[in-house]
Amino acid sequence: MPASHRTIVETKQFRKELRRIESNPVRADELIDGAKLVLSRDPYRGVQLAPRSPVWFLAIDPQKGRPV
């Protein structure tokens, strides 16, 4: 399978939730780094938007900072 380009897209909802924890920059960094780590190890861990779509998303529990 040929390699494909991967990009992380931050939605408005994600940025809104991130702003809530920006008062704790360490926690905000951990949230983002955790999502990147999960997706870099297993890009199919998320939910595919539609069959054969190249777009997947990863829902994160803001309280636990972990993928749902």
PDB file of N, CA and C in Angstrom:
ATOM      1  N   MET A   1       0.845  -1.178   0.000  1.00  0.00           N
ATOM      2  CA  MET A   1       0.000   0.000   0.000  1.00  0.00           C
ATOM      3  C   MET A   1       0.893   1.245   0.000  1.00  0.00           C
ATOM      4  N   PRO A   2       0.703   2.154  -0.917  1.00  0.00           N
ATOM      5  CA  PRO A   2       1.542   3.351  -0.959  1.00  0.00           C
ATOM      6  C   PRO A   2       1.264   4.264   0.233  1.00  0.00           C
ATOM      7  N   ALA A   3       2.293   4.980   0.618  1.00  0.00           N
ATOM      8  CA  ALA A   3       2.147   5.929   1.723  1.00  0.00           C
ATOM      9  C   ALA A   3       1.232   7.071   1.307  1.00  0.00           C
ATOM     10  N   SER A   4       0.528   7.609   2.266  1.00  0.00           N
ATOM     11  CA  SER A   4      -0.341   8.746   1.979  1.00  0.00           C
ATOM     12  C   SER A   4      -0.047   9.864   2.972  1.00  0.00           C
ATOM     13  N   HIS A   5      -0.352  11.059   2.564  1.00  0.00           N
ATOM     14  CA  HIS A   5      -0.135  12.233   3.393  1.00  0.00           C
ATOM     15  C   HIS A   5      -1.177  12.269   4.500  1.00  0.00           C
ATOM     16  N   ARG A   6      -0.744  12.582   5.704  1.00  0.00           N
ATOM     17  CA  ARG A   6      -1.670  12.687   6.833  1.00  0.00           C
ATOM     18  C   ARG A   6      -1.634  14.093   7.385  1.00  0.00           C
ATOM     19  N   THR A   7      -2.794  14.608   7.712  1.00  0.00           N
ATOM     20  CA  THR A   7      -2.899  15.947   8.271  1.00  0.00           C
ATOM     21  C   THR A   7      -3.880  15.919   9.431  1.00  0.00           C
ATOM     22  N   ILE A   8      -3.570  16.645  10.461  1.00  0.00           N
ATOM     23  CA  ILE A   8      -4.499  16.782  11.578  1.00  0.00           C
ATOM     24  C   ILE A   8      -5.251  18.088  11.392  1.00  0.00           C
ATOM     25  N   VAL A   9      -6.567  17.988  11.388  1.00  0.00           N
ATOM     26  CA  VAL A   9      -7.426  19.160  11.215  1.00  0.00           C
ATOM     27  C   VAL A   9      -8.107  19.430  12.540  1.00  0.00           C
ATOM     28  N   GLU A  10      -8.001  20.658  12.992  1.00  0.00           N
ATOM     29  CA  GLU A  10      -8.648  21.045  14.240  1.00  0.00           C
ATOM     30  C   GLU A  10      -9.974  21.724  13.924  1.00  0.00           C
ATOM     31  N   THR A  11     -11.053  21.144  14.406  1.00  0.00           N
ATOM     32  CA  THR A  11     -12.376  21.711  14.182  1.00  0.00           C
ATOM     33  C   THR A  11     -12.621  22.878  15.130  1.00  0.00           C
ATOM     34  N   LYS A  12     -13.671  23.622  14.863  1.00  0.00           N
ATOM     35  CA  LYS A  12     -14.051  24.731  15.746  1.00  0.00           C
ATOM     36  C   LYS A  12     -14.332  24.205  17.148  1.00  0.00           C
ATOM     37  N   GLN A  13     -15.009  23.067  17.231  1.00  0.00           N
ATOM     38  CA  GLN A  13     -15.321  22.478  18.534  1.00  0.00           C
ATOM     39  C   GLN A  13     -14.031  22.121  19.276  1.00  0.00           C
ATOM     40  N   PHE A  14     -13.065  21.560  18.566  1.00  0.00           N
ATOM     41  CA  PHE A  14     -11.792  21.208  19.187  1.00  0.00           C
ATOM     42  C   PHE A  14     -11.099  22.455  19.733  1.00  0.00           C
ATOM     43  N   ARG A  15     -11.037  23.509  18.931  1.00  0.00           N
ATOM     44  CA  ARG A  15     -10.379  24.741  19.372  1.00  0.00           C
ATOM     45  C   ARG A  15     -11.108  25.351  20.562  1.00  0.00           C
ATOM     46  N   LYS A  16     -12.430  25.270  20.561  1.00  0.00           N
ATOM     47  CA  LYS A  16     -13.229  25.798  21.676  1.00  0.00           C
ATOM     48  C   LYS A  16     -12.904  25.037  22.966  1.00  0.00           C
ATOM     49  N   GLU A  17     -12.839  23.712  22.874  1.00  0.00           N
ATOM     50  CA  GLU A  17     -12.532  22.902  24.044  1.00  0.00           C
ATOM     51  C   GLU A  17     -11.092  23.113  24.492  1.00  0.00           C
ATOM     52  N   LEU A  18     -10.209  23.293  23.538  1.00  0.00           N
ATOM     53  CA  LEU A  18      -8.803  23.519  23.875  1.00  0.00           C
ATOM     54  C   LEU A  18      -8.641  24.846  24.623  1.00  0.00           C
ATOM     55  N   ARG A  19      -9.382  25.857  24.212  1.00  0.00           N
ATOM     56  CA  ARG A  19      -9.300  27.155  24.895  1.00  0.00           C
ATOM     57  C   ARG A  19      -9.686  27.036  26.370  1.00  0.00           C
ATOM     58  N   ARG A  20     -10.608  26.106  26.666  1.00  0.00           N
ATOM     59  CA  ARG A  20     -11.036  25.921  28.055  1.00  0.00           C
ATOM     60  C   ARG A  20      -9.907  25.408  28.940  1.00  0.00           C
ATOM     61  N   ILE A  21      -8.986  24.665  28.354  1.00  0.00           N
ATOM     62  CA  ILE A  21      -7.898  24.125  29.173  1.00  0.00           C
ATOM     63  C   ILE A  21      -6.573  24.843  28.927  1.00  0.00           C
ATOM     64  N   GLU A  22      -6.607  25.909  28.123  1.00  0.00           N
ATOM     65  CA  GLU A  22      -5.368  26.628  27.851  1.00  0.00           C
ATOM     66  C   GLU A  22      -4.791  27.298  29.084  1.00  0.00           C
ATOM     67  N   SER A  23      -5.598  27.461  30.126  1.00  0.00           N
ATOM     68  CA  SER A  23      -5.043  28.022  31.359  1.00  0.00           C
ATOM     69  C   SER A  23      -4.031  27.049  31.967  1.00  0.00           C
ATOM     70  N   ASN A  24      -4.088  25.799  31.516  1.00  0.00           N
ATOM     71  CA  ASN A  24      -3.128  24.786  31.929  1.00  0.00           C
ATOM     72  C   ASN A  24      -2.419  24.287  30.666  1.00  0.00           C
ATOM     73  N   PRO A  25      -1.362  24.984  30.221  1.00  0.00           N
ATOM     74  CA  PRO A  25      -0.730  24.637  28.953  1.00  0.00           C
ATOM     75  C   PRO A  25      -0.163  23.226  28.913  1.00  0.00           C
ATOM     76  N   VAL A  26       0.256  22.694  30.033  1.00  0.00           N
ATOM     77  CA  VAL A  26       0.769  21.325  30.049  1.00  0.00           C
ATOM     78  C   VAL A  26      -0.349  20.352  29.683  1.00  0.00           C
ATOM     79  N   ARG A  27      -1.524  20.566  30.257  1.00  0.00           N
ATOM     80  CA  ARG A  27      -2.676  19.692  29.964  1.00  0.00           C
ATOM     81  C   ARG A  27      -3.086  19.820  28.497  1.00  0.00           C
ATOM     82  N   ALA A  28      -3.075  21.035  27.977  1.00  0.00           N
ATOM     83  CA  ALA A  28      -3.431  21.244  26.572  1.00  0.00           C
ATOM     84  C   ALA A  28      -2.434  20.529  25.660  1.00  0.00           C
ATOM     85  N   ASP A  29      -1.145  20.643  25.953  1.00  0.00           N
ATOM     86  CA  ASP A  29      -0.127  19.954  25.155  1.00  0.00           C
ATOM     87  C   ASP A  29      -0.289  18.444  25.229  1.00  0.00           C
ATOM     88  N   GLU A  30      -0.596  17.939  26.415  1.00  0.00           N
ATOM     89  CA  GLU A  30      -0.794  16.500  26.581  1.00  0.00           C
ATOM     90  C   GLU A  30      -1.969  16.010  25.750  1.00  0.00           C
ATOM     91  N   LEU A  31      -3.040  16.791  25.701  1.00  0.00           N
ATOM     92  CA  LEU A  31      -4.213  16.427  24.919  1.00  0.00           C
ATOM     93  C   LEU A  31      -3.863  16.312  23.435  1.00  0.00           C
ATOM     94  N   ILE A  32      -3.189  17.316  22.911  1.00  0.00           N
ATOM     95  CA  ILE A  32      -2.830  17.319  21.492  1.00  0.00           C
ATOM     96  C   ILE A  32      -1.811  16.233  21.189  1.00  0.00           C
ATOM     97  N   ASP A  33      -0.775  16.126  22.032  1.00  0.00           N
ATOM     98  CA  ASP A  33       0.251  15.110  21.796  1.00  0.00           C
ATOM     99  C   ASP A  33      -0.317  13.707  21.887  1.00  0.00           C
ATOM    100  N   GLY A  34      -1.250  13.501  22.795  1.00  0.00           N
ATOM    101  CA  GLY A  34      -1.877  12.185  22.926  1.00  0.00           C
ATOM    102  C   GLY A  34      -2.648  11.796  21.680  1.00  0.00           C
ATOM    103  N   ALA A  35      -3.402  12.742  21.138  1.00  0.00           N
ATOM    104  CA  ALA A  35      -4.163  12.463  19.909  1.00  0.00           C
ATOM    105  C   ALA A  35      -3.223  12.176  18.749  1.00  0.00           C
ATOM    106  N   LYS A  36      -2.162  12.956  18.629  1.00  0.00           N
ATOM    107  CA  LYS A  36      -1.190  12.731  17.552  1.00  0.00           C
ATOM    108  C   LYS A  36      -0.515  11.374  17.710  1.00  0.00           C
ATOM    109  N   LEU A  37      -0.198  10.991  18.941  1.00  0.00           N
ATOM    110  CA  LEU A  37       0.438   9.702  19.180  1.00  0.00           C
ATOM    111  C   LEU A  37      -0.469   8.549  18.757  1.00  0.00           C
ATOM    112  N   VAL A  38      -1.723   8.623  19.165  1.00  0.00           N
ATOM    113  CA  VAL A  38      -2.683   7.569  18.807  1.00  0.00           C
ATOM    114  C   VAL A  38      -2.813   7.451  17.297  1.00  0.00           C
ATOM    115  N   LEU A  39      -3.006   8.587  16.627  1.00  0.00           N
ATOM    116  CA  LEU A  39      -3.205   8.562  15.179  1.00  0.00           C
ATOM    117  C   LEU A  39      -1.936   8.205  14.412  1.00  0.00           C
ATOM    118  N   SER A  40      -0.777   8.571  14.929  1.00  0.00           N
ATOM    119  CA  SER A  40       0.457   8.232  14.227  1.00  0.00           C
ATOM    120  C   SER A  40       0.745   6.740  14.315  1.00  0.00           C
ATOM    121  N   ARG A  41       0.342   6.116  15.393  1.00  0.00           N
ATOM    122  CA  ARG A  41       0.556   4.674  15.540  1.00  0.00           C
ATOM    123  C   ARG A  41      -0.509   3.857  14.817  1.00  0.00           C
ATOM    124  N   ASP A  42      -1.725   4.371  14.804  1.00  0.00           N
ATOM    125  CA  ASP A  42      -2.825   3.647  14.164  1.00  0.00           C
ATOM    126  C   ASP A  42      -3.807   4.652  13.588  1.00  0.00           C
ATOM    127  N   PRO A  43      -3.561   5.121  12.340  1.00  0.00           N
ATOM    128  CA  PRO A  43      -4.423   6.143  11.754  1.00  0.00           C
ATOM    129  C   PRO A  43      -5.865   5.681  11.563  1.00  0.00           C
ATOM    130  N   TYR A  44      -6.106   4.390  11.632  1.00  0.00           N
ATOM    131  CA  TYR A  44      -7.466   3.867  11.462  1.00  0.00           C
ATOM    132  C   TYR A  44      -8.168   3.677  12.800  1.00  0.00           C
ATOM    133  N   ARG A  45      -7.585   4.168  13.872  1.00  0.00           N
ATOM    134  CA  ARG A  45      -8.168   4.049  15.215  1.00  0.00           C
ATOM    135  C   ARG A  45      -9.432   4.893  15.334  1.00  0.00           C
ATOM    136  N   GLY A  46      -9.489   5.965  14.596  1.00  0.00           N
ATOM    137  CA  GLY A  46     -10.638   6.857  14.656  1.00  0.00           C
ATOM    138  C   GLY A  46     -11.845   6.295  13.929  1.00  0.00           C
ATOM    139  N   VAL A  47     -12.739   7.173  13.581  1.00  0.00           N
ATOM    140  CA  VAL A  47     -13.967   6.798  12.888  1.00  0.00           C
ATOM    141  C   VAL A  47     -13.900   7.374  11.476  1.00  0.00           C
ATOM    142  N   GLN A  48     -14.128   6.530  10.498  1.00  0.00           N
ATOM    143  CA  GLN A  48     -14.104   6.975   9.105  1.00  0.00           C
ATOM    144  C   GLN A  48     -15.403   7.709   8.787  1.00  0.00           C
ATOM    145  N   LEU A  49     -15.276   8.867   8.152  1.00  0.00           N
ATOM    146  CA  LEU A  49     -16.461   9.682   7.861  1.00  0.00           C
ATOM    147  C   LEU A  49     -17.458   8.985   6.946  1.00  0.00           C
ATOM    148  N   ALA A  50     -16.964   8.314   5.937  1.00  0.00           N
ATOM    149  CA  ALA A  50     -17.829   7.603   4.994  1.00  0.00           C
ATOM    150  C   ALA A  50     -17.015   6.467   4.390  1.00  0.00           C
ATOM    151  N   PRO A  51     -17.676   5.432   3.889  1.00  0.00           N
ATOM    152  CA  PRO A  51     -16.928   4.353   3.253  1.00  0.00           C
ATOM    153  C   PRO A  51     -15.991   4.905   2.169  1.00  0.00           C
ATOM    154  N   ARG A  52     -14.794   4.429   2.177  1.00  0.00           N
ATOM    155  CA  ARG A  52     -13.742   4.803   1.222  1.00  0.00           C
ATOM    156  C   ARG A  52     -13.313   6.270   1.331  1.00  0.00           C
ATOM    157  N   SER A  53     -13.729   6.951   2.379  1.00  0.00           N
ATOM    158  CA  SER A  53     -13.285   8.330   2.610  1.00  0.00           C
ATOM    159  C   SER A  53     -11.882   8.296   3.199  1.00  0.00           C
ATOM    160  N   PRO A  54     -11.015   9.211   2.784  1.00  0.00           N
ATOM    161  CA  PRO A  54      -9.689   9.260   3.386  1.00  0.00           C
ATOM    162  C   PRO A  54      -9.683  10.035   4.714  1.00  0.00           C
ATOM    163  N   VAL A  55     -10.863  10.469   5.168  1.00  0.00           N
ATOM    164  CA  VAL A  55     -10.955  11.290   6.373  1.00  0.00           C
ATOM    165  C   VAL A  55     -11.450  10.445   7.546  1.00  0.00           C
ATOM    166  N   TRP A  56     -10.678  10.497   8.626  1.00  0.00           N
ATOM    167  CA  TRP A  56     -11.017   9.809   9.868  1.00  0.00           C
ATOM    168  C   TRP A  56     -10.985  10.848  10.985  1.00  0.00           C
ATOM    169  N   PHE A  57     -11.779  10.661  12.034  1.00  0.00           N
ATOM    170  CA  PHE A  57     -11.696  11.574  13.162  1.00  0.00           C
ATOM    171  C   PHE A  57     -11.533  10.785  14.443  1.00  0.00           C
ATOM    172  N   LEU A  58     -10.981  11.447  15.417  1.00  0.00           N
ATOM    173  CA  LEU A  58     -10.730  10.839  16.710  1.00  0.00           C
ATOM    174  C   LEU A  58     -11.409  11.700  17.761  1.00  0.00           C
ATOM    175  N   ALA A  59     -12.422  11.156  18.397  1.00  0.00           N
ATOM    176  CA  ALA A  59     -13.109  11.884  19.464  1.00  0.00           C
ATOM    177  C   ALA A  59     -12.293  11.748  20.745  1.00  0.00           C
ATOM    178  N   ILE A  60     -12.150  12.846  21.467  1.00  0.00           N
ATOM    179  CA  ILE A  60     -11.360  12.859  22.695  1.00  0.00           C
ATOM    180  C   ILE A  60     -12.241  13.292  23.846  1.00  0.00           C
ATOM    181  N   ASP A  61     -12.161  12.529  24.926  1.00  0.00           N
ATOM    182  CA  ASP A  61     -12.862  12.892  26.159  1.00  0.00           C
ATOM    183  C   ASP A  61     -12.063  14.008  26.829  1.00  0.00           C
ATOM    184  N   PRO A  62     -12.598  15.242  26.894  1.00  0.00           N
ATOM    185  CA  PRO A  62     -11.822  16.338  27.466  1.00  0.00           C
ATOM    186  C   PRO A  62     -11.525  16.176  28.952  1.00  0.00           C
ATOM    187  N   GLN A  63     -12.337  15.433  29.659  1.00  0.00           N
ATOM    188  CA  GLN A  63     -12.098  15.224  31.083  1.00  0.00           C
ATOM    189  C   GLN A  63     -10.909  14.291  31.321  1.00  0.00           C
ATOM    190  N   LYS A  64     -10.835  13.244  30.501  1.00  0.00           N
ATOM    191  CA  LYS A  64      -9.776  12.257  30.677  1.00  0.00           C
ATOM    192  C   LYS A  64      -8.601  12.500  29.745  1.00  0.00           C
ATOM    193  N   GLY A  65      -8.830  13.299  28.693  1.00  0.00           N
ATOM    194  CA  GLY A  65      -7.769  13.552  27.734  1.00  0.00           C
ATOM    195  C   GLY A  65      -7.388  12.327  26.938  1.00  0.00           C
ATOM    196  N   ARG A  66      -8.353  11.431  26.745  1.00  0.00           N
ATOM    197  CA  ARG A  66      -8.104  10.182  26.041  1.00  0.00           C
ATOM    198  C   ARG A  66      -9.112  10.010  24.915  1.00  0.00           C
ATOM    199  N   PRO A  67      -8.726   9.219  23.897  1.00  0.00           N
ATOM    200  CA  PRO A  67      -9.692   8.921  22.839  1.00  0.00           C
ATOM    201  C   PRO A  67     -10.916   8.217  23.402  1.00  0.00           C
ATOM    202  N   VAL A  68     -12.064   8.524  22.842  1.00  0.00           N
ATOM    203  CA  VAL A  68     -13.312   7.903  23.282  1.00  0.00           C
ATOM    204  C   VAL A  68     -13.454   6.561  22.599  1.00  0.00           C
TER     205      VAL A  68
END
